[in-house]
Amino acid sequence: METIDFVGMPTHSVEPVAPVALILIFLVAMLVSLAVSALMIVAFWKISAKAGFSGALGLLMLVPLGNVILPLFLAFAEWPAMKDKRVIQTEI
């Protein structure tokens, strides 16, 4: 459908999107977001546990700024699991 605006230029009207479609898009986006969040929590739980820290550190991925601090902490901290390896290597 084409209409004329006050300047004489043709304008095109856009058909409104059904509210059901918007709700469906929102629900799909929420499910994808929850799945990615769960995957990140599990991944950082495993990484923390393998590094020798409590796996519960993975829950910091839910906290704002915790999801920035945790990877930095794991990157630069002295890992307890690596300390044990160094002790074994020096005894050999």
PDB file of N, CA and C in Angstrom:
ATOM      1  N   MET A   1       0.844  -1.159   0.000  1.00  0.00           N
ATOM      2  CA  MET A   1       0.000   0.000   0.000  1.00  0.00           C
ATOM      3  C   MET A   1       0.901   1.237   0.000  1.00  0.00           C
ATOM      4  N   GLU A   2       0.570   2.171  -0.858  1.00  0.00           N
ATOM      5  CA  GLU A   2       1.389   3.372  -0.975  1.00  0.00           C
ATOM      6  C   GLU A   2       0.528   4.586  -0.639  1.00  0.00           C
ATOM      7  N   THR A   3       1.076   5.480   0.159  1.00  0.00           N
ATOM      8  CA  THR A   3       0.372   6.711   0.516  1.00  0.00           C
ATOM      9  C   THR A   3       1.246   7.891   0.164  1.00  0.00           C
ATOM     10  N   ILE A   4       0.668   9.048   0.211  1.00  0.00           N
ATOM     11  CA  ILE A   4       1.411  10.278  -0.080  1.00  0.00           C
ATOM     12  C   ILE A   4       1.540  11.057   1.226  1.00  0.00           C
ATOM     13  N   ASP A   5       2.776  11.454   1.558  1.00  0.00           N
ATOM     14  CA  ASP A   5       2.945  12.241   2.781  1.00  0.00           C
ATOM     15  C   ASP A   5       2.691  13.721   2.485  1.00  0.00           C
ATOM     16  N   PHE A   6       2.896  14.575   3.485  1.00  0.00           N
ATOM     17  CA  PHE A   6       2.533  15.979   3.345  1.00  0.00           C
ATOM     18  C   PHE A   6       3.410  16.733   2.345  1.00  0.00           C
ATOM     19  N   VAL A   7       4.563  16.176   1.956  1.00  0.00           N
ATOM     20  CA  VAL A   7       5.428  16.845   1.003  1.00  0.00           C
ATOM     21  C   VAL A   7       5.144  16.377  -0.429  1.00  0.00           C
ATOM     22  N   GLY A   8       4.298  15.389  -0.568  1.00  0.00           N
ATOM     23  CA  GLY A   8       3.990  14.883  -1.888  1.00  0.00           C
ATOM     24  C   GLY A   8       4.838  13.703  -2.303  1.00  0.00           C
ATOM     25  N   MET A   9       5.681  13.201  -1.391  1.00  0.00           N
ATOM     26  CA  MET A   9       6.529  12.047  -1.691  1.00  0.00           C
ATOM     27  C   MET A   9       5.789  10.771  -1.306  1.00  0.00           C
ATOM     28  N   PRO A  10       5.896   9.747  -2.128  1.00  0.00           N
ATOM     29  CA  PRO A  10       5.225   8.496  -1.768  1.00  0.00           C
ATOM     30  C   PRO A  10       5.935   7.816  -0.600  1.00  0.00           C
ATOM     31  N   THR A  11       5.173   7.266   0.302  1.00  0.00           N
ATOM     32  CA  THR A  11       5.724   6.509   1.422  1.00  0.00           C
ATOM     33  C   THR A  11       5.146   5.108   1.377  1.00  0.00           C
ATOM     34  N   HIS A  12       5.898   4.170   1.913  1.00  0.00           N
ATOM     35  CA  HIS A  12       5.456   2.779   1.928  1.00  0.00           C
ATOM     36  C   HIS A  12       5.152   2.396   3.358  1.00  0.00           C
ATOM     37  N   SER A  13       4.008   1.842   3.571  1.00  0.00           N
ATOM     38  CA  SER A  13       3.677   1.398   4.922  1.00  0.00           C
ATOM     39  C   SER A  13       4.171  -0.029   5.109  1.00  0.00           C
ATOM     40  N   VAL A  14       4.528  -0.345   6.303  1.00  0.00           N
ATOM     41  CA  VAL A  14       5.044  -1.662   6.642  1.00  0.00           C
ATOM     42  C   VAL A  14       3.961  -2.413   7.402  1.00  0.00           C
ATOM     43  N   GLU A  15       3.765  -3.657   7.018  1.00  0.00           N
ATOM     44  CA  GLU A  15       2.780  -4.481   7.714  1.00  0.00           C
ATOM     45  C   GLU A  15       3.301  -4.777   9.123  1.00  0.00           C
ATOM     46  N   PRO A  16       2.454  -4.649  10.127  1.00  0.00           N
ATOM     47  CA  PRO A  16       2.930  -4.931  11.490  1.00  0.00           C
ATOM     48  C   PRO A  16       3.227  -6.419  11.674  1.00  0.00           C
ATOM     49  N   VAL A  17       4.242  -6.697  12.482  1.00  0.00           N
ATOM     50  CA  VAL A  17       4.605  -8.070  12.788  1.00  0.00           C
ATOM     51  C   VAL A  17       3.652  -8.588  13.852  1.00  0.00           C
ATOM     52  N   ALA A  18       3.207  -9.799  13.664  1.00  0.00           N
ATOM     53  CA  ALA A  18       2.275 -10.388  14.624  1.00  0.00           C
ATOM     54  C   ALA A  18       2.944 -10.525  15.984  1.00  0.00           C
ATOM     55  N   PRO A  19       2.226 -10.224  17.059  1.00  0.00           N
ATOM     56  CA  PRO A  19       2.812 -10.351  18.400  1.00  0.00           C
ATOM     57  C   PRO A  19       3.288 -11.783  18.694  1.00  0.00           C
ATOM     58  N   VAL A  20       2.644 -12.768  18.111  1.00  0.00           N
ATOM     59  CA  VAL A  20       3.051 -14.155  18.346  1.00  0.00           C
ATOM     60  C   VAL A  20       4.457 -14.381  17.790  1.00  0.00           C
ATOM     61  N   ALA A  21       4.760 -13.799  16.642  1.00  0.00           N
ATOM     62  CA  ALA A  21       6.097 -13.948  16.060  1.00  0.00           C
ATOM     63  C   ALA A  21       7.147 -13.302  16.948  1.00  0.00           C
ATOM     64  N   LEU A  22       6.837 -12.136  17.504  1.00  0.00           N
ATOM     65  CA  LEU A  22       7.796 -11.472  18.397  1.00  0.00           C
ATOM     66  C   LEU A  22       8.040 -12.286  19.656  1.00  0.00           C
ATOM     67  N   ILE A  23       6.994 -12.882  20.194  1.00  0.00           N
ATOM     68  CA  ILE A  23       7.137 -13.722  21.386  1.00  0.00           C
ATOM     69  C   ILE A  23       7.980 -14.947  21.054  1.00  0.00           C
ATOM     70  N   LEU A  24       7.764 -15.541  19.898  1.00  0.00           N
ATOM     71  CA  LEU A  24       8.540 -16.717  19.491  1.00  0.00           C
ATOM     72  C   LEU A  24      10.013 -16.362  19.324  1.00  0.00           C
ATOM     73  N   ILE A  25      10.289 -15.237  18.694  1.00  0.00           N
ATOM     74  CA  ILE A  25      11.680 -14.794  18.534  1.00  0.00           C
ATOM     75  C   ILE A  25      12.325 -14.563  19.894  1.00  0.00           C
ATOM     76  N   PHE A  26      11.606 -13.941  20.814  1.00  0.00           N
ATOM     77  CA  PHE A  26      12.123 -13.696  22.161  1.00  0.00           C
ATOM     78  C   PHE A  26      12.421 -15.008  22.881  1.00  0.00           C
ATOM     79  N   LEU A  27      11.514 -15.976  22.790  1.00  0.00           N
ATOM     80  CA  LEU A  27      11.717 -17.257  23.472  1.00  0.00           C
ATOM     81  C   LEU A  27      12.912 -18.021  22.902  1.00  0.00           C
ATOM     82  N   VAL A  28      13.067 -17.999  21.589  1.00  0.00           N
ATOM     83  CA  VAL A  28      14.216 -18.669  20.979  1.00  0.00           C
ATOM     84  C   VAL A  28      15.515 -17.996  21.428  1.00  0.00           C
ATOM     85  N   ALA A  29      15.521 -16.667  21.453  1.00  0.00           N
ATOM     86  CA  ALA A  29      16.715 -15.941  21.896  1.00  0.00           C
ATOM     87  C   ALA A  29      17.045 -16.259  23.349  1.00  0.00           C
ATOM     88  N   MET A  30      16.028 -16.363  24.196  1.00  0.00           N
ATOM     89  CA  MET A  30      16.263 -16.693  25.603  1.00  0.00           C
ATOM     90  C   MET A  30      16.817 -18.109  25.759  1.00  0.00           C
ATOM     91  N   LEU A  31      16.278 -19.058  25.003  1.00  0.00           N
ATOM     92  CA  LEU A  31      16.766 -20.436  25.087  1.00  0.00           C
ATOM     93  C   LEU A  31      18.218 -20.542  24.618  1.00  0.00           C
ATOM     94  N   VAL A  32      18.552 -19.857  23.549  1.00  0.00           N
ATOM     95  CA  VAL A  32      19.935 -19.866  23.070  1.00  0.00           C
ATOM     96  C   VAL A  32      20.853 -19.230  24.111  1.00  0.00           C
ATOM     97  N   SER A  33      20.414 -18.135  24.712  1.00  0.00           N
ATOM     98  CA  SER A  33      21.206 -17.458  25.738  1.00  0.00           C
ATOM     99  C   SER A  33      21.432 -18.349  26.950  1.00  0.00           C
ATOM    100  N   LEU A  34      20.403 -19.042  27.396  1.00  0.00           N
ATOM    101  CA  LEU A  34      20.544 -19.956  28.537  1.00  0.00           C
ATOM    102  C   LEU A  34      21.469 -21.119  28.207  1.00  0.00           C
ATOM    103  N   ALA A  35      21.382 -21.638  26.990  1.00  0.00           N
ATOM    104  CA  ALA A  35      22.245 -22.750  26.594  1.00  0.00           C
ATOM    105  C   ALA A  35      23.710 -22.320  26.563  1.00  0.00           C
ATOM    106  N   VAL A  36      23.989 -21.141  26.031  1.00  0.00           N
ATOM    107  CA  VAL A  36      25.366 -20.645  25.980  1.00  0.00           C
ATOM    108  C   VAL A  36      25.886 -20.376  27.390  1.00  0.00           C
ATOM    109  N   SER A  37      25.052 -19.818  28.252  1.00  0.00           N
ATOM    110  CA  SER A  37      25.460 -19.563  29.635  1.00  0.00           C
ATOM    111  C   SER A  37      25.788 -20.860  30.360  1.00  0.00           C
ATOM    112  N   ALA A  38      24.946 -21.866  30.186  1.00  0.00           N
ATOM    113  CA  ALA A  38      25.194 -23.159  30.833  1.00  0.00           C
ATOM    114  C   ALA A  38      26.486 -23.785  30.317  1.00  0.00           C
ATOM    115  N   LEU A  39      26.720 -23.681  29.025  1.00  0.00           N
ATOM    116  CA  LEU A  39      27.948 -24.225  28.440  1.00  0.00           C
ATOM    117  C   LEU A  39      29.182 -23.532  29.010  1.00  0.00           C
ATOM    118  N   MET A  40      29.125 -22.216  29.164  1.00  0.00           N
ATOM    119  CA  MET A  40      30.267 -21.475  29.711  1.00  0.00           C
ATOM    120  C   MET A  40      30.518 -21.822  31.173  1.00  0.00           C
ATOM    121  N   ILE A  41      29.445 -22.002  31.943  1.00  0.00           N
ATOM    122  CA  ILE A  41      29.608 -22.366  33.354  1.00  0.00           C
ATOM    123  C   ILE A  41      30.271 -23.734  33.472  1.00  0.00           C
ATOM    124  N   VAL A  42      29.790 -24.695  32.700  1.00  0.00           N
ATOM    125  CA  VAL A  42      30.365 -26.049  32.749  1.00  0.00           C
ATOM    126  C   VAL A  42      31.826 -26.021  32.296  1.00  0.00           C
ATOM    127  N   ALA A  43      32.114 -25.277  31.222  1.00  0.00           N
ATOM    128  CA  ALA A  43      33.485 -25.220  30.714  1.00  0.00           C
ATOM    129  C   ALA A  43      34.439 -24.627  31.751  1.00  0.00           C
ATOM    130  N   PHE A  44      34.053 -23.528  32.365  1.00  0.00           N
ATOM    131  CA  PHE A  44      34.942 -22.908  33.354  1.00  0.00           C
ATOM    132  C   PHE A  44      34.989 -23.704  34.651  1.00  0.00           C
ATOM    133  N   TRP A  45      33.931 -24.473  34.954  1.00  0.00           N
ATOM    134  CA  TRP A  45      33.962 -25.382  36.103  1.00  0.00           C
ATOM    135  C   TRP A  45      35.063 -26.416  35.884  1.00  0.00           C
ATOM    136  N   LYS A  46      35.085 -27.004  34.673  1.00  0.00           N
ATOM    137  CA  LYS A  46      36.087 -28.029  34.349  1.00  0.00           C
ATOM    138  C   LYS A  46      37.496 -27.436  34.329  1.00  0.00           C
ATOM    139  N   ILE A  47      37.651 -26.258  33.739  1.00  0.00           N
ATOM    140  CA  ILE A  47      38.973 -25.625  33.670  1.00  0.00           C
ATOM    141  C   ILE A  47      39.489 -25.321  35.073  1.00  0.00           C
ATOM    142  N   SER A  48      38.635 -24.783  35.940  1.00  0.00           N
ATOM    143  CA  SER A  48      39.038 -24.465  37.312  1.00  0.00           C
ATOM    144  C   SER A  48      39.432 -25.722  38.069  1.00  0.00           C
ATOM    145  N   ALA A  49      38.658 -26.780  37.906  1.00  0.00           N
ATOM    146  CA  ALA A  49      38.962 -28.029  38.605  1.00  0.00           C
ATOM    147  C   ALA A  49      40.282 -28.623  38.116  1.00  0.00           C
ATOM    148  N   LYS A  50      40.528 -28.593  36.823  1.00  0.00           N
ATOM    149  CA  LYS A  50      41.782 -29.137  36.285  1.00  0.00           C
ATOM    150  C   LYS A  50      42.986 -28.304  36.697  1.00  0.00           C
ATOM    151  N   ALA A  51      42.767 -27.017  36.951  1.00  0.00           N
ATOM    152  CA  ALA A  51      43.856 -26.146  37.381  1.00  0.00           C
ATOM    153  C   ALA A  51      44.156 -26.318  38.869  1.00  0.00           C
ATOM    154  N   GLY A  52      43.281 -27.027  39.587  1.00  0.00           N
ATOM    155  CA  GLY A  52      43.508 -27.253  41.002  1.00  0.00           C
ATOM    156  C   GLY A  52      42.698 -26.351  41.906  1.00  0.00           C
ATOM    157  N   PHE A  53      41.849 -25.523  41.329  1.00  0.00           N
ATOM    158  CA  PHE A  53      40.979 -24.657  42.114  1.00  0.00           C
ATOM    159  C   PHE A  53      39.624 -25.327  42.280  1.00  0.00           C
ATOM    160  N   SER A  54      38.783 -24.737  43.112  1.00  0.00           N
ATOM    161  CA  SER A  54      37.428 -25.242  43.262  1.00  0.00           C
ATOM    162  C   SER A  54      36.664 -25.048  41.959  1.00  0.00           C
ATOM    163  N   GLY A  55      35.940 -26.082  41.539  1.00  0.00           N
ATOM    164  CA  GLY A  55      35.152 -25.980  40.321  1.00  0.00           C
ATOM    165  C   GLY A  55      34.051 -24.949  40.424  1.00  0.00           C
ATOM    166  N   ALA A  56      33.659 -24.634  41.653  1.00  0.00           N
ATOM    167  CA  ALA A  56      32.590 -23.654  41.852  1.00  0.00           C
ATOM    168  C   ALA A  56      32.973 -22.262  41.365  1.00  0.00           C
ATOM    169  N   LEU A  57      34.244 -22.046  41.065  1.00  0.00           N
ATOM    170  CA  LEU A  57      34.638 -20.761  40.479  1.00  0.00           C
ATOM    171  C   LEU A  57      33.929 -20.529  39.148  1.00  0.00           C
ATOM    172  N   GLY A  58      33.498 -21.600  38.498  1.00  0.00           N
ATOM    173  CA  GLY A  58      32.773 -21.468  37.242  1.00  0.00           C
ATOM    174  C   GLY A  58      31.478 -20.693  37.392  1.00  0.00           C
ATOM    175  N   LEU A  59      30.926 -20.678  38.587  1.00  0.00           N
ATOM    176  CA  LEU A  59      29.696 -19.919  38.830  1.00  0.00           C
ATOM    177  C   LEU A  59      29.912 -18.416  38.738  1.00  0.00           C
ATOM    178  N   LEU A  60      31.176 -17.993  38.788  1.00  0.00           N
ATOM    179  CA  LEU A  60      31.462 -16.565  38.624  1.00  0.00           C
ATOM    180  C   LEU A  60      31.085 -16.078  37.229  1.00  0.00           C
ATOM    181  N   MET A  61      30.885 -17.007  36.300  1.00  0.00           N
ATOM    182  CA  MET A  61      30.482 -16.603  34.955  1.00  0.00           C
ATOM    183  C   MET A  61      29.087 -15.990  34.962  1.00  0.00           C
ATOM    184  N   LEU A  62      28.322 -16.210  36.025  1.00  0.00           N
ATOM    185  CA  LEU A  62      26.985 -15.626  36.142  1.00  0.00           C
ATOM    186  C   LEU A  62      27.015 -14.205  36.689  1.00  0.00           C
ATOM    187  N   VAL A  63      28.114 -13.840  37.320  1.00  0.00           N
ATOM    188  CA  VAL A  63      28.218 -12.540  37.984  1.00  0.00           C
ATOM    189  C   VAL A  63      28.765 -11.508  37.002  1.00  0.00           C
ATOM    190  N   PRO A  64      28.114 -10.346  36.918  1.00  0.00           N
ATOM    191  CA  PRO A  64      28.677  -9.303  36.061  1.00  0.00           C
ATOM    192  C   PRO A  64      30.106  -8.961  36.494  1.00  0.00           C
ATOM    193  N   LEU A  65      30.974  -8.803  35.560  1.00  0.00           N
ATOM    194  CA  LEU A  65      32.415  -8.590  35.713  1.00  0.00           C
ATOM    195  C   LEU A  65      33.144  -9.830  36.217  1.00  0.00           C
ATOM    196  N   GLY A  66      32.442 -10.771  36.812  1.00  0.00           N
ATOM    197  CA  GLY A  66      33.072 -12.030  37.190  1.00  0.00           C
ATOM    198  C   GLY A  66      33.476 -12.807  35.953  1.00  0.00           C
ATOM    199  N   ASN A  67      32.684 -12.663  34.895  1.00  0.00           N
ATOM    200  CA  ASN A  67      32.998 -13.354  33.654  1.00  0.00           C
ATOM    201  C   ASN A  67      34.190 -12.732  32.935  1.00  0.00           C
ATOM    202  N   VAL A  68      34.635 -11.577  33.374  1.00  0.00           N
ATOM    203  CA  VAL A  68      35.853 -10.971  32.841  1.00  0.00           C
ATOM    204  C   VAL A  68      37.030 -11.300  33.761  1.00  0.00           C
ATOM    205  N   ILE A  69      36.790 -11.289  35.054  1.00  0.00           N
ATOM    206  CA  ILE A  69      37.851 -11.502  36.037  1.00  0.00           C
ATOM    207  C   ILE A  69      38.308 -12.954  36.082  1.00  0.00           C
ATOM    208  N   LEU A  70      37.374 -13.916  35.988  1.00  0.00           N
ATOM    209  CA  LEU A  70      37.744 -15.329  36.106  1.00  0.00           C
ATOM    210  C   LEU A  70      38.749 -15.771  35.048  1.00  0.00           C
ATOM    211  N   PRO A  71      38.538 -15.496  33.753  1.00  0.00           N
ATOM    212  CA  PRO A  71      39.565 -15.910  32.787  1.00  0.00           C
ATOM    213  C   PRO A  71      40.921 -15.252  33.037  1.00  0.00           C
ATOM    214  N   LEU A  72      40.915 -13.989  33.468  1.00  0.00           N
ATOM    215  CA  LEU A  72      42.180 -13.323  33.781  1.00  0.00           C
ATOM    216  C   LEU A  72      42.851 -13.959  34.990  1.00  0.00           C
ATOM    217  N   PHE A  73      42.050 -14.304  35.999  1.00  0.00           N
ATOM    218  CA  PHE A  73      42.594 -14.968  37.180  1.00  0.00           C
ATOM    219  C   PHE A  73      43.220 -16.309  36.802  1.00  0.00           C
ATOM    220  N   LEU A  74      42.497 -17.089  35.989  1.00  0.00           N
ATOM    221  CA  LEU A  74      43.022 -18.395  35.585  1.00  0.00           C
ATOM    222  C   LEU A  74      44.261 -18.267  34.708  1.00  0.00           C
ATOM    223  N   ALA A  75      44.346 -17.199  33.945  1.00  0.00           N
ATOM    224  CA  ALA A  75      45.500 -17.016  33.066  1.00  0.00           C
ATOM    225  C   ALA A  75      46.766 -16.645  33.835  1.00  0.00           C
ATOM    226  N   PHE A  76      46.629 -15.850  34.895  1.00  0.00           N
ATOM    227  CA  PHE A  76      47.815 -15.312  35.554  1.00  0.00           C
ATOM    228  C   PHE A  76      48.080 -15.878  36.952  1.00  0.00           C
ATOM    229  N   ALA A  77      47.173 -16.670  37.491  1.00  0.00           N
ATOM    230  CA  ALA A  77      47.373 -17.216  38.839  1.00  0.00           C
ATOM    231  C   ALA A  77      48.314 -18.420  38.798  1.00  0.00           C
ATOM    232  N   GLU A  78      48.927 -18.688  39.924  1.00  0.00           N
ATOM    233  CA  GLU A  78      49.741 -19.889  40.086  1.00  0.00           C
ATOM    234  C   GLU A  78      48.791 -21.058  40.324  1.00  0.00           C
ATOM    235  N   TRP A  79      48.795 -22.019  39.444  1.00  0.00           N
ATOM    236  CA  TRP A  79      47.853 -23.145  39.536  1.00  0.00           C
ATOM    237  C   TRP A  79      48.361 -24.175  40.548  1.00  0.00           C
ATOM    238  N   PRO A  80      47.522 -24.547  41.505  1.00  0.00           N
ATOM    239  CA  PRO A  80      47.927 -25.591  42.457  1.00  0.00           C
ATOM    240  C   PRO A  80      48.279 -26.910  41.769  1.00  0.00           C
ATOM    241  N   ALA A  81      47.610 -27.255  40.705  1.00  0.00           N
ATOM    242  CA  ALA A  81      47.907 -28.503  39.992  1.00  0.00           C
ATOM    243  C   ALA A  81      49.310 -28.460  39.388  1.00  0.00           C
ATOM    244  N   MET A  82      49.760 -27.307  38.958  1.00  0.00           N
ATOM    245  CA  MET A  82      51.089 -27.184  38.382  1.00  0.00           C
ATOM    246  C   MET A  82      52.169 -27.186  39.459  1.00  0.00           C
ATOM    247  N   LYS A  83      51.850 -26.706  40.665  1.00  0.00           N
ATOM    248  CA  LYS A  83      52.814 -26.746  41.764  1.00  0.00           C
ATOM    249  C   LYS A  83      53.180 -28.189  42.083  1.00  0.00           C
ATOM    250  N   ASP A  84      52.174 -29.063  42.114  1.00  0.00           N
ATOM    251  CA  ASP A  84      52.436 -30.475  42.399  1.00  0.00           C
ATOM    252  C   ASP A  84      53.319 -31.092  41.324  1.00  0.00           C
ATOM    253  N   LYS A  85      53.124 -30.726  40.073  1.00  0.00           N
ATOM    254  CA  LYS A  85      53.955 -31.251  38.989  1.00  0.00           C
ATOM    255  C   LYS A  85      55.398 -30.779  39.131  1.00  0.00           C
ATOM    256  N   ARG A  86      55.587 -29.516  39.521  1.00  0.00           N
ATOM    257  CA  ARG A  86      56.937 -28.991  39.667  1.00  0.00           C
ATOM    258  C   ARG A  86      57.680 -29.680  40.813  1.00  0.00           C
ATOM    259  N   VAL A  87      56.971 -29.985  41.884  1.00  0.00           N
ATOM    260  CA  VAL A  87      57.589 -30.683  43.014  1.00  0.00           C
ATOM    261  C   VAL A  87      58.040 -32.079  42.587  1.00  0.00           C
ATOM    262  N   ILE A  88      57.207 -32.764  41.830  1.00  0.00           N
ATOM    263  CA  ILE A  88      57.557 -34.102  41.358  1.00  0.00           C
ATOM    264  C   ILE A  88      58.742 -34.047  40.409  1.00  0.00           C
ATOM    265  N   GLN A  89      58.780 -33.051  39.522  1.00  0.00           N
ATOM    266  CA  GLN A  89      59.880 -32.938  38.559  1.00  0.00           C
ATOM    267  C   GLN A  89      61.202 -32.602  39.262  1.00  0.00           C
ATOM    268  N   THR A  90      61.167 -31.815  40.321  1.00  0.00           N
ATOM    269  CA  THR A  90      62.412 -31.472  41.001  1.00  0.00           C
ATOM    270  C   THR A  90      62.930 -32.643  41.823  1.00  0.00           C
ATOM    271  N   GLU A  91      62.061 -33.568  42.214  1.00  0.00           N
ATOM    272  CA  GLU A  91      62.515 -34.725  42.966  1.00  0.00           C
ATOM    273  C   GLU A  91      63.180 -35.766  42.081  1.00  0.00           C
ATOM    274  N   ILE A  92      62.904 -35.711  40.788  1.00  0.00           N
ATOM    275  CA  ILE A  92      63.467 -36.717  39.865  1.00  0.00           C
ATOM    276  C   ILE A  92      64.884 -36.422  39.528  1.00  0.00           C
TER     277      ILE A  92
END
